[in-house]
């Protein structure tokens, strides 16, 4: 689930594709709040934005070892964790697919498993191009 900031901010050693930028996170009040997001090793990190980058306020630190499924519906990425936690992020349709691809690449690196579309062999990653 949510990891400690120190573990998440360790030096990048995965050799996986890099990705960072702005996404909007759906909160419990039904609002879409802007977040500056990026990957480091097996973590997906989100920060409150400040100018063109992140502030020092870490909002989420998701250990991708706990990723159960990531699905894309048009321009919304839904992340489901093995803990039952679910998060939604919004971006452009093309960009959001890149986020999910890198998420699975980093999960595969972290767990030592081959890259797949989800941890559960019976479930599929949903994608929509419309």
C-alpha atoms as a PDB file:
ATOM      1  CA  UNK A   1       0.000   0.000   0.000  1.00  0.00           C
ATOM      2  CA  UNK A   2       1.412   3.412   0.889  1.00  0.00           C
ATOM      3  CA  UNK A   3       5.137   3.249   1.560  1.00  0.00           C
ATOM      4  CA  UNK A   4       7.397   5.422   3.657  1.00  0.00           C
ATOM      5  CA  UNK A   5       8.822   8.422   1.794  1.00  0.00           C
ATOM      6  CA  UNK A   6      12.449   7.441   2.522  1.00  0.00           C
ATOM      7  CA  UNK A   7      12.078   4.018   0.915  1.00  0.00           C
ATOM      8  CA  UNK A   8      10.259   5.469  -2.063  1.00  0.00           C
ATOM      9  CA  UNK A   9      12.801   8.200  -2.716  1.00  0.00           C
ATOM     10  CA  UNK A  10      15.863   5.952  -2.938  1.00  0.00           C
ATOM     11  CA  UNK A  11      18.127   6.449  -5.957  1.00  0.00           C
ATOM     12  CA  UNK A  12      16.687   5.114  -9.224  1.00  0.00           C
ATOM     13  CA  UNK A  13      18.254   1.711  -9.993  1.00  0.00           C
ATOM     14  CA  UNK A  14      15.569  -0.150 -11.960  1.00  0.00           C
ATOM     15  CA  UNK A  15      16.702   0.690 -15.482  1.00  0.00           C
ATOM     16  CA  UNK A  16      12.992   0.972 -16.382  1.00  0.00           C
ATOM     17  CA  UNK A  17      11.458   3.702 -18.489  1.00  0.00           C
ATOM     18  CA  UNK A  18      11.067   7.030 -16.722  1.00  0.00           C
ATOM     19  CA  UNK A  19       7.859   9.056 -16.583  1.00  0.00           C
ATOM     20  CA  UNK A  20       6.865  12.185 -14.719  1.00  0.00           C
ATOM     21  CA  UNK A  21       4.298  14.901 -15.105  1.00  0.00           C
ATOM     22  CA  UNK A  22       0.902  16.164 -14.088  1.00  0.00           C
ATOM     23  CA  UNK A  23      -2.178  13.983 -13.592  1.00  0.00           C
ATOM     24  CA  UNK A  24      -5.420  14.705 -11.791  1.00  0.00           C
ATOM     25  CA  UNK A  25      -6.376  12.457  -8.876  1.00  0.00           C
ATOM     26  CA  UNK A  26     -10.013  11.769  -8.011  1.00  0.00           C
ATOM     27  CA  UNK A  27     -10.511  12.387  -4.304  1.00  0.00           C
ATOM     28  CA  UNK A  28     -13.166  11.212  -1.839  1.00  0.00           C
ATOM     29  CA  UNK A  29     -15.159  14.435  -2.352  1.00  0.00           C
ATOM     30  CA  UNK A  30     -15.536  13.693  -6.060  1.00  0.00           C
ATOM     31  CA  UNK A  31     -13.084  16.414  -7.067  1.00  0.00           C
ATOM     32  CA  UNK A  32     -10.149  16.055  -9.469  1.00  0.00           C
ATOM     33  CA  UNK A  33      -7.016  17.508  -7.828  1.00  0.00           C
ATOM     34  CA  UNK A  34      -3.827  18.124  -9.761  1.00  0.00           C
ATOM     35  CA  UNK A  35      -0.814  16.057  -8.725  1.00  0.00           C
ATOM     36  CA  UNK A  36       2.768  15.933  -9.930  1.00  0.00           C
ATOM     37  CA  UNK A  37       3.486  12.224 -10.435  1.00  0.00           C
ATOM     38  CA  UNK A  38       6.561  10.159 -11.191  1.00  0.00           C
ATOM     39  CA  UNK A  39       8.104   6.734 -10.806  1.00  0.00           C
ATOM     40  CA  UNK A  40      11.230   5.757  -8.926  1.00  0.00           C
ATOM     41  CA  UNK A  41      12.214   2.098  -8.745  1.00  0.00           C
ATOM     42  CA  UNK A  42       9.045   0.251  -7.672  1.00  0.00           C
ATOM     43  CA  UNK A  43       7.165   3.314  -6.423  1.00  0.00           C
ATOM     44  CA  UNK A  44       4.554   5.563  -8.001  1.00  0.00           C
ATOM     45  CA  UNK A  45       4.771   8.898  -6.193  1.00  0.00           C
ATOM     46  CA  UNK A  46       2.371  11.834  -6.243  1.00  0.00           C
ATOM     47  CA  UNK A  47       3.024  15.292  -4.863  1.00  0.00           C
ATOM     48  CA  UNK A  48       1.009  18.430  -4.491  1.00  0.00           C
ATOM     49  CA  UNK A  49       2.188  20.576  -7.420  1.00  0.00           C
ATOM     50  CA  UNK A  50       4.226  23.749  -7.109  1.00  0.00           C
ATOM     51  CA  UNK A  51       4.838  25.712 -10.287  1.00  0.00           C
ATOM     52  CA  UNK A  52       6.075  23.375 -13.041  1.00  0.00           C
ATOM     53  CA  UNK A  53       7.014  20.544 -10.683  1.00  0.00           C
ATOM     54  CA  UNK A  54       6.396  18.920  -7.321  1.00  0.00           C
ATOM     55  CA  UNK A  55       6.202  20.647  -3.966  1.00  0.00           C
ATOM     56  CA  UNK A  56       7.747  18.967  -0.940  1.00  0.00           C
ATOM     57  CA  UNK A  57       4.290  17.669   0.081  1.00  0.00           C
ATOM     58  CA  UNK A  58       4.121  13.951  -0.730  1.00  0.00           C
ATOM     59  CA  UNK A  59       0.486  12.878  -1.240  1.00  0.00           C
ATOM     60  CA  UNK A  60       0.784   9.192  -2.217  1.00  0.00           C
ATOM     61  CA  UNK A  61       3.645   6.712  -2.273  1.00  0.00           C
ATOM     62  CA  UNK A  62       2.406   3.498  -3.878  1.00  0.00           C
ATOM     63  CA  UNK A  63       4.605   0.401  -3.777  1.00  0.00           C
ATOM     64  CA  UNK A  64       3.989  -1.255  -7.154  1.00  0.00           C
ATOM     65  CA  UNK A  65       4.699  -4.677  -5.621  1.00  0.00           C
ATOM     66  CA  UNK A  66       1.127  -4.284  -4.321  1.00  0.00           C
ATOM     67  CA  UNK A  67      -0.380  -3.513  -7.732  1.00  0.00           C
ATOM     68  CA  UNK A  68      -3.266  -5.860  -8.491  1.00  0.00           C
ATOM     69  CA  UNK A  69      -4.576  -4.204 -11.648  1.00  0.00           C
ATOM     70  CA  UNK A  70      -4.320  -0.987 -13.618  1.00  0.00           C
ATOM     71  CA  UNK A  71      -6.987  -0.235 -16.187  1.00  0.00           C
ATOM     72  CA  UNK A  72      -7.604   2.611 -18.591  1.00  0.00           C
ATOM     73  CA  UNK A  73     -11.021   3.861 -19.613  1.00  0.00           C
ATOM     74  CA  UNK A  74     -10.653   6.664 -22.175  1.00  0.00           C
ATOM     75  CA  UNK A  75      -8.477   9.106 -20.166  1.00  0.00           C
ATOM     76  CA  UNK A  76      -8.823   7.684 -16.637  1.00  0.00           C
ATOM     77  CA  UNK A  77      -6.312   5.305 -15.063  1.00  0.00           C
ATOM     78  CA  UNK A  78      -7.722   3.159 -12.249  1.00  0.00           C
ATOM     79  CA  UNK A  79      -5.159   1.574  -9.937  1.00  0.00           C
ATOM     80  CA  UNK A  80      -6.242  -1.323  -7.731  1.00  0.00           C
ATOM     81  CA  UNK A  81      -3.924  -2.600  -5.006  1.00  0.00           C
ATOM     82  CA  UNK A  82      -3.825  -5.993  -3.308  1.00  0.00           C
ATOM     83  CA  UNK A  83      -4.841  -4.168  -0.112  1.00  0.00           C
ATOM     84  CA  UNK A  84      -8.216  -3.305  -1.690  1.00  0.00           C
ATOM     85  CA  UNK A  85      -7.333   0.364  -2.102  1.00  0.00           C
ATOM     86  CA  UNK A  86      -8.415   1.930  -5.398  1.00  0.00           C
ATOM     87  CA  UNK A  87      -7.257   5.220  -6.943  1.00  0.00           C
ATOM     88  CA  UNK A  88      -8.206   7.078 -10.114  1.00  0.00           C
ATOM     89  CA  UNK A  89      -6.020   9.438 -12.118  1.00  0.00           C
ATOM     90  CA  UNK A  90      -6.933  11.461 -15.178  1.00  0.00           C
ATOM     91  CA  UNK A  91      -4.724  12.586 -18.057  1.00  0.00           C
ATOM     92  CA  UNK A  92      -4.853  12.645 -21.841  1.00  0.00           C
ATOM     93  CA  UNK A  93      -5.911   9.390 -23.530  1.00  0.00           C
ATOM     94  CA  UNK A  94      -2.507   8.757 -25.144  1.00  0.00           C
ATOM     95  CA  UNK A  95      -0.477   9.823 -22.130  1.00  0.00           C
ATOM     96  CA  UNK A  96      -2.442   7.734 -19.636  1.00  0.00           C
ATOM     97  CA  UNK A  97      -1.643   4.545 -21.571  1.00  0.00           C
ATOM     98  CA  UNK A  98       2.071   5.314 -21.266  1.00  0.00           C
ATOM     99  CA  UNK A  99       1.680   5.680 -17.482  1.00  0.00           C
ATOM    100  CA  UNK A 100       0.093   2.233 -17.179  1.00  0.00           C
ATOM    101  CA  UNK A 101       2.706   0.580 -19.430  1.00  0.00           C
ATOM    102  CA  UNK A 102       5.535   1.936 -17.301  1.00  0.00           C
ATOM    103  CA  UNK A 103       3.671   0.980 -14.122  1.00  0.00           C
ATOM    104  CA  UNK A 104       3.567  -2.674 -15.228  1.00  0.00           C
ATOM    105  CA  UNK A 105       7.205  -2.591 -16.383  1.00  0.00           C
ATOM    106  CA  UNK A 106       8.291  -1.351 -12.960  1.00  0.00           C
ATOM    107  CA  UNK A 107       6.099  -3.864 -11.154  1.00  0.00           C
ATOM    108  CA  UNK A 108       7.715  -6.680 -13.169  1.00  0.00           C
ATOM    109  CA  UNK A 109      11.169  -5.377 -12.252  1.00  0.00           C
ATOM    110  CA  UNK A 110      10.247  -5.091  -8.550  1.00  0.00           C
ATOM    111  CA  UNK A 111       8.698  -8.547  -8.271  1.00  0.00           C
ATOM    112  CA  UNK A 112      11.066 -10.390 -10.617  1.00  0.00           C
ATOM    113  CA  UNK A 113       8.105 -11.552 -12.720  1.00  0.00           C
ATOM    114  CA  UNK A 114       7.755 -11.140 -16.480  1.00  0.00           C
ATOM    115  CA  UNK A 115       5.872  -8.004 -17.497  1.00  0.00           C
ATOM    116  CA  UNK A 116       2.157  -8.700 -17.861  1.00  0.00           C
ATOM    117  CA  UNK A 117      -1.070  -6.753 -18.019  1.00  0.00           C
ATOM    118  CA  UNK A 118      -1.976  -7.580 -14.440  1.00  0.00           C
ATOM    119  CA  UNK A 119      -0.829  -9.557 -11.446  1.00  0.00           C
ATOM    120  CA  UNK A 120      -3.908 -11.770 -11.531  1.00  0.00           C
ATOM    121  CA  UNK A 121      -3.610 -14.115 -14.509  1.00  0.00           C
ATOM    122  CA  UNK A 122      -7.392 -14.216 -14.845  1.00  0.00           C
ATOM    123  CA  UNK A 123      -7.896 -10.484 -15.179  1.00  0.00           C
ATOM    124  CA  UNK A 124      -7.100  -8.269 -18.122  1.00  0.00           C
ATOM    125  CA  UNK A 125      -6.073  -4.678 -18.339  1.00  0.00           C
ATOM    126  CA  UNK A 126      -8.909  -2.706 -19.837  1.00  0.00           C
ATOM    127  CA  UNK A 127      -8.025  -0.168 -22.483  1.00  0.00           C
ATOM    128  CA  UNK A 128     -10.208   2.070 -24.485  1.00  0.00           C
ATOM    129  CA  UNK A 129      -9.129   4.236 -27.361  1.00  0.00           C
ATOM    130  CA  UNK A 130     -12.406   6.171 -27.473  1.00  0.00           C
END
